[in-house]
All heavy atoms as atom14 arrays in JSON, in Angstrom:
{
  "sequence": "NNETAVFHDDVARQLFTDEEYQRISDTMSAGIGFFNPAFNGNSDQALR",
  "atom14_mask": [
    [1, 1, 1, 1, 1, 1, 1, 1, 0, 0, 0, 0, 0, 0],
    [1, 1, 1, 1, 1, 1, 1, 1, 0, 0, 0, 0, 0, 0],
    [1, 1, 1, 1, 1, 1, 1, 1, 1, 0, 0, 0, 0, 0],
    [1, 1, 1, 1, 1, 1, 1, 0, 0, 0, 0, 0, 0, 0],
    [1, 1, 1, 1, 1, 0, 0, 0, 0, 0, 0, 0, 0, 0],
    [1, 1, 1, 1, 1, 1, 1, 0, 0, 0, 0, 0, 0, 0],
    [1, 1, 1, 1, 1, 1, 1, 1, 1, 1, 1, 0, 0, 0],
    [1, 1, 1, 1, 1, 1, 1, 1, 1, 1, 0, 0, 0, 0],
    [1, 1, 1, 1, 1, 1, 1, 1, 0, 0, 0, 0, 0, 0],
    [1, 1, 1, 1, 1, 1, 1, 1, 0, 0, 0, 0, 0, 0],
    [1, 1, 1, 1, 1, 1, 1, 0, 0, 0, 0, 0, 0, 0],
    [1, 1, 1, 1, 1, 0, 0, 0, 0, 0, 0, 0, 0, 0],
    [1, 1, 1, 1, 1, 1, 1, 1, 1, 1, 1, 0, 0, 0],
    [1, 1, 1, 1, 1, 1, 1, 1, 1, 0, 0, 0, 0, 0],
    [1, 1, 1, 1, 1, 1, 1, 1, 0, 0, 0, 0, 0, 0],
    [1, 1, 1, 1, 1, 1, 1, 1, 1, 1, 1, 0, 0, 0],
    [1, 1, 1, 1, 1, 1, 1, 0, 0, 0, 0, 0, 0, 0],
    [1, 1, 1, 1, 1, 1, 1, 1, 0, 0, 0, 0, 0, 0],
    [1, 1, 1, 1, 1, 1, 1, 1, 1, 0, 0, 0, 0, 0],
    [1, 1, 1, 1, 1, 1, 1, 1, 1, 0, 0, 0, 0, 0],
    [1, 1, 1, 1, 1, 1, 1, 1, 1, 1, 1, 1, 0, 0],
    [1, 1, 1, 1, 1, 1, 1, 1, 1, 0, 0, 0, 0, 0],
    [1, 1, 1, 1, 1, 1, 1, 1, 1, 1, 1, 0, 0, 0],
    [1, 1, 1, 1, 1, 1, 1, 1, 0, 0, 0, 0, 0, 0],
    [1, 1, 1, 1, 1, 1, 0, 0, 0, 0, 0, 0, 0, 0],
    [1, 1, 1, 1, 1, 1, 1, 1, 0, 0, 0, 0, 0, 0],
    [1, 1, 1, 1, 1, 1, 1, 0, 0, 0, 0, 0, 0, 0],
    [1, 1, 1, 1, 1, 1, 1, 1, 0, 0, 0, 0, 0, 0],
    [1, 1, 1, 1, 1, 1, 0, 0, 0, 0, 0, 0, 0, 0],
    [1, 1, 1, 1, 1, 0, 0, 0, 0, 0, 0, 0, 0, 0],
    [1, 1, 1, 1, 0, 0, 0, 0, 0, 0, 0, 0, 0, 0],
    [1, 1, 1, 1, 1, 1, 1, 1, 0, 0, 0, 0, 0, 0],
    [1, 1, 1, 1, 0, 0, 0, 0, 0, 0, 0, 0, 0, 0],
    [1, 1, 1, 1, 1, 1, 1, 1, 1, 1, 1, 0, 0, 0],
    [1, 1, 1, 1, 1, 1, 1, 1, 1, 1, 1, 0, 0, 0],
    [1, 1, 1, 1, 1, 1, 1, 1, 0, 0, 0, 0, 0, 0],
    [1, 1, 1, 1, 1, 1, 1, 0, 0, 0, 0, 0, 0, 0],
    [1, 1, 1, 1, 1, 0, 0, 0, 0, 0, 0, 0, 0, 0],
    [1, 1, 1, 1, 1, 1, 1, 1, 1, 1, 1, 0, 0, 0],
    [1, 1, 1, 1, 1, 1, 1, 1, 0, 0, 0, 0, 0, 0],
    [1, 1, 1, 1, 0, 0, 0, 0, 0, 0, 0, 0, 0, 0],
    [1, 1, 1, 1, 1, 1, 1, 1, 0, 0, 0, 0, 0, 0],
    [1, 1, 1, 1, 1, 1, 0, 0, 0, 0, 0, 0, 0, 0],
    [1, 1, 1, 1, 1, 1, 1, 1, 0, 0, 0, 0, 0, 0],
    [1, 1, 1, 1, 1, 1, 1, 1, 1, 0, 0, 0, 0, 0],
    [1, 1, 1, 1, 1, 0, 0, 0, 0, 0, 0, 0, 0, 0],
    [1, 1, 1, 1, 1, 1, 1, 1, 0, 0, 0, 0, 0, 0],
    [1, 1, 1, 1, 1, 1, 1, 1, 1, 1, 1, 0, 0, 0]
  ],
  "atom14_positions": [
    [[79.49, 2.61, 72.44], [79.96, 2.06, 71.18], [80.99, 2.91, 70.45], [81.35, 2.6, 69.32], [78.74, 1.84, 70.25], [77.88, 0.69, 70.69], [78.15, -0.47, 70.44], [76.8, 1.01, 71.44], [0.0, 0.0, 0.0], [0.0, 0.0, 0.0], [0.0, 0.0, 0.0], [0.0, 0.0, 0.0], [0.0, 0.0, 0.0], [0.0, 0.0, 0.0]],
    [[81.47, 3.97, 71.1], [82.46, 4.83, 70.46], [83.51, 5.3, 71.45], [83.18, 5.88, 72.47], [81.77, 6.07, 69.86], [80.8, 5.7, 68.77], [81.18, 5.31, 67.67], [79.5, 5.79, 69.08], [0.0, 0.0, 0.0], [0.0, 0.0, 0.0], [0.0, 0.0, 0.0], [0.0, 0.0, 0.0], [0.0, 0.0, 0.0], [0.0, 0.0, 0.0]],
    [[84.76, 5.01, 71.14], [85.85, 5.47, 71.98], [86.01, 6.98, 71.86], [86.18, 7.7, 72.86], [87.16, 4.77, 71.6], [88.32, 5.13, 72.51], [89.57, 4.32, 72.21], [89.46, 3.28, 71.54], [90.66, 4.75, 72.65], [0.0, 0.0, 0.0], [0.0, 0.0, 0.0], [0.0, 0.0, 0.0], [0.0, 0.0, 0.0], [0.0, 0.0, 0.0]],
    [[85.95, 7.46, 70.64], [85.93, 8.91, 70.38], [84.49, 9.28, 70.12], [83.9, 8.83, 69.14], [86.8, 9.27, 69.15], [88.15, 8.89, 69.4], [86.73, 10.77, 68.9], [0.0, 0.0, 0.0], [0.0, 0.0, 0.0], [0.0, 0.0, 0.0], [0.0, 0.0, 0.0], [0.0, 0.0, 0.0], [0.0, 0.0, 0.0], [0.0, 0.0, 0.0]],
    [[83.91, 10.06, 71.0], [82.48, 10.34, 70.93], [82.22, 11.83, 70.74], [83.07, 12.67, 71.04], [81.78, 9.86, 72.2], [0.0, 0.0, 0.0], [0.0, 0.0, 0.0], [0.0, 0.0, 0.0], [0.0, 0.0, 0.0], [0.0, 0.0, 0.0], [0.0, 0.0, 0.0], [0.0, 0.0, 0.0], [0.0, 0.0, 0.0], [0.0, 0.0, 0.0]],
    [[81.06, 12.13, 70.22], [80.62, 13.52, 70.18], [80.44, 14.03, 71.61], [80.81, 15.14, 71.96], [79.28, 13.65, 69.42], [78.76, 15.09, 69.45], [79.44, 13.17, 67.98], [0.0, 0.0, 0.0], [0.0, 0.0, 0.0], [0.0, 0.0, 0.0], [0.0, 0.0, 0.0], [0.0, 0.0, 0.0], [0.0, 0.0, 0.0], [0.0, 0.0, 0.0]],
    [[79.9, 13.15, 72.47], [79.65, 13.48, 73.85], [79.63, 12.2, 74.66], [78.94, 11.24, 74.29], [78.32, 14.22, 74.0], [77.93, 14.52, 75.42], [78.52, 15.58, 76.09], [76.98, 13.77, 76.08], [78.18, 15.87, 77.4], [76.61, 14.05, 77.39], [77.23, 15.11, 78.05], [0.0, 0.0, 0.0], [0.0, 0.0, 0.0], [0.0, 0.0, 0.0]],
    [[80.4, 12.15, 75.73], [80.46, 10.95, 76.58], [79.52, 11.09, 77.77], [79.6, 12.05, 78.53], [81.88, 10.72, 77.09], [82.7, 9.84, 76.19], [82.36, 8.54, 75.89], [83.85, 10.08, 75.52], [83.27, 8.01, 75.08], [84.18, 8.93, 74.83], [0.0, 0.0, 0.0], [0.0, 0.0, 0.0], [0.0, 0.0, 0.0], [0.0, 0.0, 0.0]],
    [[78.63, 10.13, 77.91], [77.73, 10.07, 79.08], [77.83, 8.66, 79.64], [77.15, 7.74, 79.17], [76.29, 10.39, 78.64], [75.34, 10.48, 79.84], [75.67, 9.95, 80.9], [74.26, 11.07, 79.68], [0.0, 0.0, 0.0], [0.0, 0.0, 0.0], [0.0, 0.0, 0.0], [0.0, 0.0, 0.0], [0.0, 0.0, 0.0], [0.0, 0.0, 0.0]],
    [[78.67, 8.47, 80.64], [78.9, 7.14, 81.17], [77.92, 6.77, 82.29], [78.05, 5.72, 82.92], [80.34, 6.98, 81.68], [80.71, 8.05, 82.72], [79.85, 8.84, 83.1], [81.89, 8.07, 83.12], [0.0, 0.0, 0.0], [0.0, 0.0, 0.0], [0.0, 0.0, 0.0], [0.0, 0.0, 0.0], [0.0, 0.0, 0.0], [0.0, 0.0, 0.0]],
    [[76.9, 7.62, 82.51], [75.89, 7.34, 83.52], [74.56, 6.93, 82.88], [73.8, 6.16, 83.46], [75.69, 8.55, 84.45], [74.5, 8.35, 85.39], [76.95, 8.78, 85.28], [0.0, 0.0, 0.0], [0.0, 0.0, 0.0], [0.0, 0.0, 0.0], [0.0, 0.0, 0.0], [0.0, 0.0, 0.0], [0.0, 0.0, 0.0], [0.0, 0.0, 0.0]],
    [[74.29, 7.42, 81.69], [72.98, 7.18, 81.05], [72.61, 5.71, 81.0], [71.45, 5.34, 81.26], [72.96, 7.79, 79.65], [0.0, 0.0, 0.0], [0.0, 0.0, 0.0], [0.0, 0.0, 0.0], [0.0, 0.0, 0.0], [0.0, 0.0, 0.0], [0.0, 0.0, 0.0], [0.0, 0.0, 0.0], [0.0, 0.0, 0.0], [0.0, 0.0, 0.0]],
    [[73.56, 4.85, 80.68], [73.26, 3.42, 80.57], [72.77, 2.83, 81.9], [71.94, 1.91, 81.92], [74.5, 2.64, 80.1], [74.33, 1.14, 80.04], [73.26, 0.73, 79.04], [73.05, -0.71, 79.0], [72.27, -1.39, 79.82], [71.61, -0.74, 80.77], [72.12, -2.69, 79.7], [0.0, 0.0, 0.0], [0.0, 0.0, 0.0], [0.0, 0.0, 0.0]],
    [[73.23, 3.4, 83.01], [72.85, 2.89, 84.33], [71.38, 3.18, 84.67], [70.84, 2.57, 85.59], [73.75, 3.5, 85.4], [75.22, 3.18, 85.24], [76.08, 3.9, 86.27], [75.84, 3.78, 87.47], [77.05, 4.64, 85.81], [0.0, 0.0, 0.0], [0.0, 0.0, 0.0], [0.0, 0.0, 0.0], [0.0, 0.0, 0.0], [0.0, 0.0, 0.0]],
    [[70.76, 4.09, 83.94], [69.36, 4.43, 84.2], [68.41, 3.4, 83.63], [67.21, 3.43, 83.92], [69.03, 5.81, 83.61], [69.82, 7.0, 84.18], [69.39, 8.27, 83.49], [69.64, 7.11, 85.68], [0.0, 0.0, 0.0], [0.0, 0.0, 0.0], [0.0, 0.0, 0.0], [0.0, 0.0, 0.0], [0.0, 0.0, 0.0], [0.0, 0.0, 0.0]],
    [[68.92, 2.46, 82.84], [68.11, 1.42, 82.24], [68.45, 0.05, 82.81], [69.62, -0.25, 83.06], [68.36, 1.35, 80.72], [68.02, 2.6, 79.96], [68.97, 3.61, 79.8], [66.77, 2.78, 79.41], [68.66, 4.76, 79.1], [66.45, 3.92, 78.7], [67.41, 4.92, 78.54], [0.0, 0.0, 0.0], [0.0, 0.0, 0.0], [0.0, 0.0, 0.0]],
    [[67.44, -0.77, 83.01], [67.72, -2.17, 83.3], [68.18, -2.83, 82.0], [67.96, -2.29, 80.89], [66.46, -2.9, 83.8], [65.47, -2.92, 82.75], [65.89, -2.21, 85.04], [0.0, 0.0, 0.0], [0.0, 0.0, 0.0], [0.0, 0.0, 0.0], [0.0, 0.0, 0.0], [0.0, 0.0, 0.0], [0.0, 0.0, 0.0], [0.0, 0.0, 0.0]],
    [[68.82, -3.98, 82.1], [69.26, -4.67, 80.9], [68.08, -5.01, 80.0], [68.16, -4.9, 78.77], [70.02, -5.96, 81.27], [71.35, -5.67, 81.94], [71.85, -4.53, 81.82], [71.89, -6.6, 82.57], [0.0, 0.0, 0.0], [0.0, 0.0, 0.0], [0.0, 0.0, 0.0], [0.0, 0.0, 0.0], [0.0, 0.0, 0.0], [0.0, 0.0, 0.0]],
    [[66.98, -5.43, 80.61], [65.79, -5.81, 79.85], [65.21, -4.61, 79.09], [64.83, -4.72, 77.93], [64.74, -6.43, 80.77], [65.12, -7.75, 81.39], [66.1, -7.62, 82.56], [66.3, -6.47, 83.05], [66.68, -8.64, 82.98], [0.0, 0.0, 0.0], [0.0, 0.0, 0.0], [0.0, 0.0, 0.0], [0.0, 0.0, 0.0], [0.0, 0.0, 0.0]],
    [[65.15, -3.48, 79.78], [64.59, -2.28, 79.15], [65.48, -1.8, 78.01], [64.98, -1.43, 76.94], [64.43, -1.18, 80.2], [63.76, 0.08, 79.67], [63.61, 1.15, 80.73], [64.47, 1.2, 81.64], [62.66, 1.93, 80.66], [0.0, 0.0, 0.0], [0.0, 0.0, 0.0], [0.0, 0.0, 0.0], [0.0, 0.0, 0.0], [0.0, 0.0, 0.0]],
    [[66.78, -1.79, 78.24], [67.71, -1.35, 77.22], [67.61, -2.24, 75.97], [67.58, -1.74, 74.84], [69.13, -1.38, 77.77], [70.17, -0.75, 76.87], [70.39, 0.62, 76.88], [70.94, -1.55, 76.01], [71.35, 1.2, 76.07], [71.9, -0.99, 75.19], [72.1, 0.39, 75.22], [73.04, 0.96, 74.4], [0.0, 0.0, 0.0], [0.0, 0.0, 0.0]],
    [[67.51, -3.55, 76.19], [67.39, -4.47, 75.07], [66.06, -4.31, 74.35], [65.99, -4.39, 73.11], [67.54, -5.92, 75.56], [67.63, -6.95, 74.42], [68.82, -6.7, 73.53], [69.95, -6.57, 74.0], [68.59, -6.65, 72.22], [0.0, 0.0, 0.0], [0.0, 0.0, 0.0], [0.0, 0.0, 0.0], [0.0, 0.0, 0.0], [0.0, 0.0, 0.0]],
    [[65.02, -4.05, 75.11], [63.69, -3.87, 74.51], [63.67, -2.64, 73.6], [63.12, -2.69, 72.49], [62.63, -3.75, 75.59], [61.2, -3.67, 75.05], [60.17, -3.86, 76.16], [60.22, -2.82, 77.19], [60.69, -3.01, 78.42], [61.12, -4.2, 78.81], [60.69, -2.0, 79.28], [0.0, 0.0, 0.0], [0.0, 0.0, 0.0], [0.0, 0.0, 0.0]],
    [[64.28, -1.55, 74.05], [64.34, -0.36, 73.22], [65.2, -0.62, 71.98], [64.84, -0.22, 70.87], [64.91, 0.83, 74.03], [63.93, 1.2, 75.15], [65.13, 2.04, 73.12], [64.47, 2.27, 76.09], [0.0, 0.0, 0.0], [0.0, 0.0, 0.0], [0.0, 0.0, 0.0], [0.0, 0.0, 0.0], [0.0, 0.0, 0.0], [0.0, 0.0, 0.0]],
    [[66.31, -1.32, 72.17], [67.18, -1.66, 71.04], [66.42, -2.46, 69.99], [66.49, -2.17, 68.78], [68.4, -2.46, 71.52], [69.19, -1.74, 72.43], [0.0, 0.0, 0.0], [0.0, 0.0, 0.0], [0.0, 0.0, 0.0], [0.0, 0.0, 0.0], [0.0, 0.0, 0.0], [0.0, 0.0, 0.0], [0.0, 0.0, 0.0], [0.0, 0.0, 0.0]],
    [[65.69, -3.47, 70.44], [64.95, -4.32, 69.5], [63.84, -3.54, 68.79], [63.63, -3.72, 67.58], [64.33, -5.52, 70.26], [65.38, -6.48, 70.79], [66.53, -6.42, 70.32], [65.03, -7.27, 71.68], [0.0, 0.0, 0.0], [0.0, 0.0, 0.0], [0.0, 0.0, 0.0], [0.0, 0.0, 0.0], [0.0, 0.0, 0.0], [0.0, 0.0, 0.0]],
    [[63.15, -2.7, 69.53], [62.06, -1.92, 68.95], [62.61, -0.97, 67.89], [62.02, -0.81, 66.81], [61.33, -1.12, 70.03], [60.77, -2.02, 70.99], [60.21, -0.27, 69.44], [0.0, 0.0, 0.0], [0.0, 0.0, 0.0], [0.0, 0.0, 0.0], [0.0, 0.0, 0.0], [0.0, 0.0, 0.0], [0.0, 0.0, 0.0], [0.0, 0.0, 0.0]],
    [[63.72, -0.33, 68.19], [64.32, 0.6, 67.24], [64.8, -0.1, 65.98], [64.5, 0.3, 64.86], [65.48, 1.37, 67.89], [65.02, 2.4, 68.89], [64.03, 3.67, 68.09], [63.05, 4.26, 69.47], [0.0, 0.0, 0.0], [0.0, 0.0, 0.0], [0.0, 0.0, 0.0], [0.0, 0.0, 0.0], [0.0, 0.0, 0.0], [0.0, 0.0, 0.0]],
    [[65.55, -1.17, 66.14], [66.08, -1.87, 64.96], [64.96, -2.43, 64.09], [65.07, -2.46, 62.86], [67.04, -2.98, 65.38], [66.39, -3.96, 66.17], [0.0, 0.0, 0.0], [0.0, 0.0, 0.0], [0.0, 0.0, 0.0], [0.0, 0.0, 0.0], [0.0, 0.0, 0.0], [0.0, 0.0, 0.0], [0.0, 0.0, 0.0], [0.0, 0.0, 0.0]],
    [[63.85, -2.83, 64.74], [62.72, -3.35, 63.97], [62.04, -2.25, 63.16], [61.28, -2.54, 62.22], [61.69, -3.99, 64.91], [0.0, 0.0, 0.0], [0.0, 0.0, 0.0], [0.0, 0.0, 0.0], [0.0, 0.0, 0.0], [0.0, 0.0, 0.0], [0.0, 0.0, 0.0], [0.0, 0.0, 0.0], [0.0, 0.0, 0.0], [0.0, 0.0, 0.0]],
    [[62.31, -0.99, 63.49], [61.69, 0.12, 62.77], [62.51, 0.66, 61.63], [62.22, 1.75, 61.11], [0.0, 0.0, 0.0], [0.0, 0.0, 0.0], [0.0, 0.0, 0.0], [0.0, 0.0, 0.0], [0.0, 0.0, 0.0], [0.0, 0.0, 0.0], [0.0, 0.0, 0.0], [0.0, 0.0, 0.0], [0.0, 0.0, 0.0], [0.0, 0.0, 0.0]],
    [[63.53, -0.07, 61.19], [64.4, 0.41, 60.13], [63.63, 0.7, 58.85], [63.98, 1.62, 58.09], [65.57, -0.58, 59.85], [66.59, 0.02, 58.9], [65.02, -1.9, 59.35], [67.29, 1.25, 59.43], [0.0, 0.0, 0.0], [0.0, 0.0, 0.0], [0.0, 0.0, 0.0], [0.0, 0.0, 0.0], [0.0, 0.0, 0.0], [0.0, 0.0, 0.0]],
    [[62.56, -0.03, 58.61], [61.77, 0.19, 57.4], [61.12, 1.57, 57.38], [60.91, 2.14, 56.3], [0.0, 0.0, 0.0], [0.0, 0.0, 0.0], [0.0, 0.0, 0.0], [0.0, 0.0, 0.0], [0.0, 0.0, 0.0], [0.0, 0.0, 0.0], [0.0, 0.0, 0.0], [0.0, 0.0, 0.0], [0.0, 0.0, 0.0], [0.0, 0.0, 0.0]],
    [[60.82, 2.1, 58.54], [60.27, 3.45, 58.65], [61.34, 4.5, 58.44], [61.16, 5.47, 57.71], [59.59, 3.63, 60.01], [59.2, 5.04, 60.34], [58.1, 5.63, 59.73], [59.95, 5.79, 61.24], [57.74, 6.93, 60.02], [59.58, 7.1, 61.54], [58.47, 7.68, 60.92], [0.0, 0.0, 0.0], [0.0, 0.0, 0.0], [0.0, 0.0, 0.0]],
    [[62.49, 4.27, 59.1], [63.55, 5.27, 59.04], [64.3, 5.24, 57.71], [64.7, 6.29, 57.19], [64.54, 5.03, 60.18], [63.97, 5.3, 61.55], [63.7, 4.24, 62.42], [63.69, 6.57, 61.97], [63.18, 4.48, 63.68], [63.17, 6.84, 63.22], [62.9, 5.78, 64.08], [0.0, 0.0, 0.0], [0.0, 0.0, 0.0], [0.0, 0.0, 0.0]],
    [[64.54, 4.06, 57.18], [65.32, 3.93, 55.96], [64.85, 2.71, 55.17], [65.4, 1.61, 55.3], [66.82, 3.77, 56.31], [67.71, 3.72, 55.09], [67.23, 3.76, 53.95], [69.01, 3.64, 55.31], [0.0, 0.0, 0.0], [0.0, 0.0, 0.0], [0.0, 0.0, 0.0], [0.0, 0.0, 0.0], [0.0, 0.0, 0.0], [0.0, 0.0, 0.0]],
    [[63.83, 2.85, 54.35], [63.25, 1.74, 53.6], [64.24, 0.99, 52.72], [64.07, -0.18, 52.45], [62.15, 2.41, 52.77], [61.82, 3.65, 53.5], [63.11, 4.12, 54.11], [0.0, 0.0, 0.0], [0.0, 0.0, 0.0], [0.0, 0.0, 0.0], [0.0, 0.0, 0.0], [0.0, 0.0, 0.0], [0.0, 0.0, 0.0], [0.0, 0.0, 0.0]],
    [[65.3, 1.68, 52.27], [66.27, 1.07, 51.39], [67.42, 0.38, 52.13], [68.33, -0.17, 51.5], [66.84, 2.12, 50.44], [0.0, 0.0, 0.0], [0.0, 0.0, 0.0], [0.0, 0.0, 0.0], [0.0, 0.0, 0.0], [0.0, 0.0, 0.0], [0.0, 0.0, 0.0], [0.0, 0.0, 0.0], [0.0, 0.0, 0.0], [0.0, 0.0, 0.0]],
    [[67.36, 0.35, 53.46], [68.47, -0.22, 54.24], [68.63, -1.7, 53.98], [67.67, -2.47, 53.86], [68.22, 0.0, 55.73], [69.31, -0.53, 56.61], [70.47, 0.2, 56.81], [69.19, -1.78, 57.22], [71.49, -0.3, 57.6], [70.21, -2.27, 58.01], [71.36, -1.54, 58.21], [0.0, 0.0, 0.0], [0.0, 0.0, 0.0], [0.0, 0.0, 0.0]],
    [[69.9, -2.14, 53.91], [70.21, -3.56, 53.7], [71.29, -3.95, 54.71], [72.45, -3.58, 54.57], [70.69, -3.79, 52.26], [70.94, -5.27, 51.99], [70.42, -6.15, 52.69], [71.75, -5.56, 50.98], [0.0, 0.0, 0.0], [0.0, 0.0, 0.0], [0.0, 0.0, 0.0], [0.0, 0.0, 0.0], [0.0, 0.0, 0.0], [0.0, 0.0, 0.0]],
    [[70.92, -4.7, 55.75], [71.88, -5.11, 56.75], [71.18, -5.85, 57.86], [69.96, -6.06, 57.83], [0.0, 0.0, 0.0], [0.0, 0.0, 0.0], [0.0, 0.0, 0.0], [0.0, 0.0, 0.0], [0.0, 0.0, 0.0], [0.0, 0.0, 0.0], [0.0, 0.0, 0.0], [0.0, 0.0, 0.0], [0.0, 0.0, 0.0], [0.0, 0.0, 0.0]],
    [[71.95, -6.28, 58.88], [71.36, -7.03, 59.98], [70.79, -6.08, 61.04], [70.88, -4.85, 60.93], [72.38, -8.01, 60.58], [73.6, -7.3, 61.16], [73.51, -6.23, 61.72], [74.78, -7.93, 61.02], [0.0, 0.0, 0.0], [0.0, 0.0, 0.0], [0.0, 0.0, 0.0], [0.0, 0.0, 0.0], [0.0, 0.0, 0.0], [0.0, 0.0, 0.0]],
    [[70.24, -6.66, 62.11], [69.56, -5.85, 63.13], [70.52, -4.93, 63.89], [70.17, -3.8, 64.24], [68.81, -6.75, 64.11], [69.7, -7.65, 64.76], [0.0, 0.0, 0.0], [0.0, 0.0, 0.0], [0.0, 0.0, 0.0], [0.0, 0.0, 0.0], [0.0, 0.0, 0.0], [0.0, 0.0, 0.0], [0.0, 0.0, 0.0], [0.0, 0.0, 0.0]],
    [[71.75, -5.42, 64.16], [72.74, -4.57, 64.84], [73.13, -3.38, 63.98], [73.26, -2.26, 64.46], [73.99, -5.38, 65.2], [73.74, -6.38, 66.33], [72.76, -6.2, 67.07], [74.54, -7.33, 66.43], [0.0, 0.0, 0.0], [0.0, 0.0, 0.0], [0.0, 0.0, 0.0], [0.0, 0.0, 0.0], [0.0, 0.0, 0.0], [0.0, 0.0, 0.0]],
    [[73.3, -3.63, 62.69], [73.63, -2.55, 61.77], [72.48, -1.57, 61.62], [72.68, -0.37, 61.52], [74.02, -3.13, 60.41], [75.32, -3.93, 60.43], [75.52, -4.75, 59.16], [74.57, -5.15, 58.5], [76.79, -4.98, 58.83], [0.0, 0.0, 0.0], [0.0, 0.0, 0.0], [0.0, 0.0, 0.0], [0.0, 0.0, 0.0], [0.0, 0.0, 0.0]],
    [[71.27, -2.12, 61.66], [70.08, -1.25, 61.57], [70.0, -0.34, 62.78], [69.71, 0.86, 62.65], [68.82, -2.11, 61.46], [0.0, 0.0, 0.0], [0.0, 0.0, 0.0], [0.0, 0.0, 0.0], [0.0, 0.0, 0.0], [0.0, 0.0, 0.0], [0.0, 0.0, 0.0], [0.0, 0.0, 0.0], [0.0, 0.0, 0.0], [0.0, 0.0, 0.0]],
    [[70.25, -0.9, 63.98], [70.2, -0.1, 65.2], [71.24, 1.02, 65.15], [70.95, 2.16, 65.47], [70.43, -0.98, 66.42], [70.43, -0.26, 67.78], [69.1, 0.44, 68.03], [70.75, -1.25, 68.9], [0.0, 0.0, 0.0], [0.0, 0.0, 0.0], [0.0, 0.0, 0.0], [0.0, 0.0, 0.0], [0.0, 0.0, 0.0], [0.0, 0.0, 0.0]],
    [[72.43, 0.68, 64.73], [73.5, 1.68, 64.63], [73.11, 2.79, 63.67], [73.31, 3.98, 63.96], [74.8, 1.0, 64.16], [75.98, 1.97, 63.91], [76.67, 2.33, 65.19], [77.6, 3.43, 65.03], [78.83, 3.45, 65.54], [79.27, 2.42, 66.25], [79.6, 4.49, 65.4], [0.0, 0.0, 0.0], [0.0, 0.0, 0.0], [0.0, 0.0, 0.0]]
  ]
}
């Protein structure tokens, strides 16, 4: 998600299946209330 990155790892994504990667993404974004109770935005913004 970043052309200019702190650190580029172009292999890490290959270690996950699409289903697993999406499952982790969904689980994380659903936890925005724990990480930032005052957050106001959609699920993609929450994940970011």
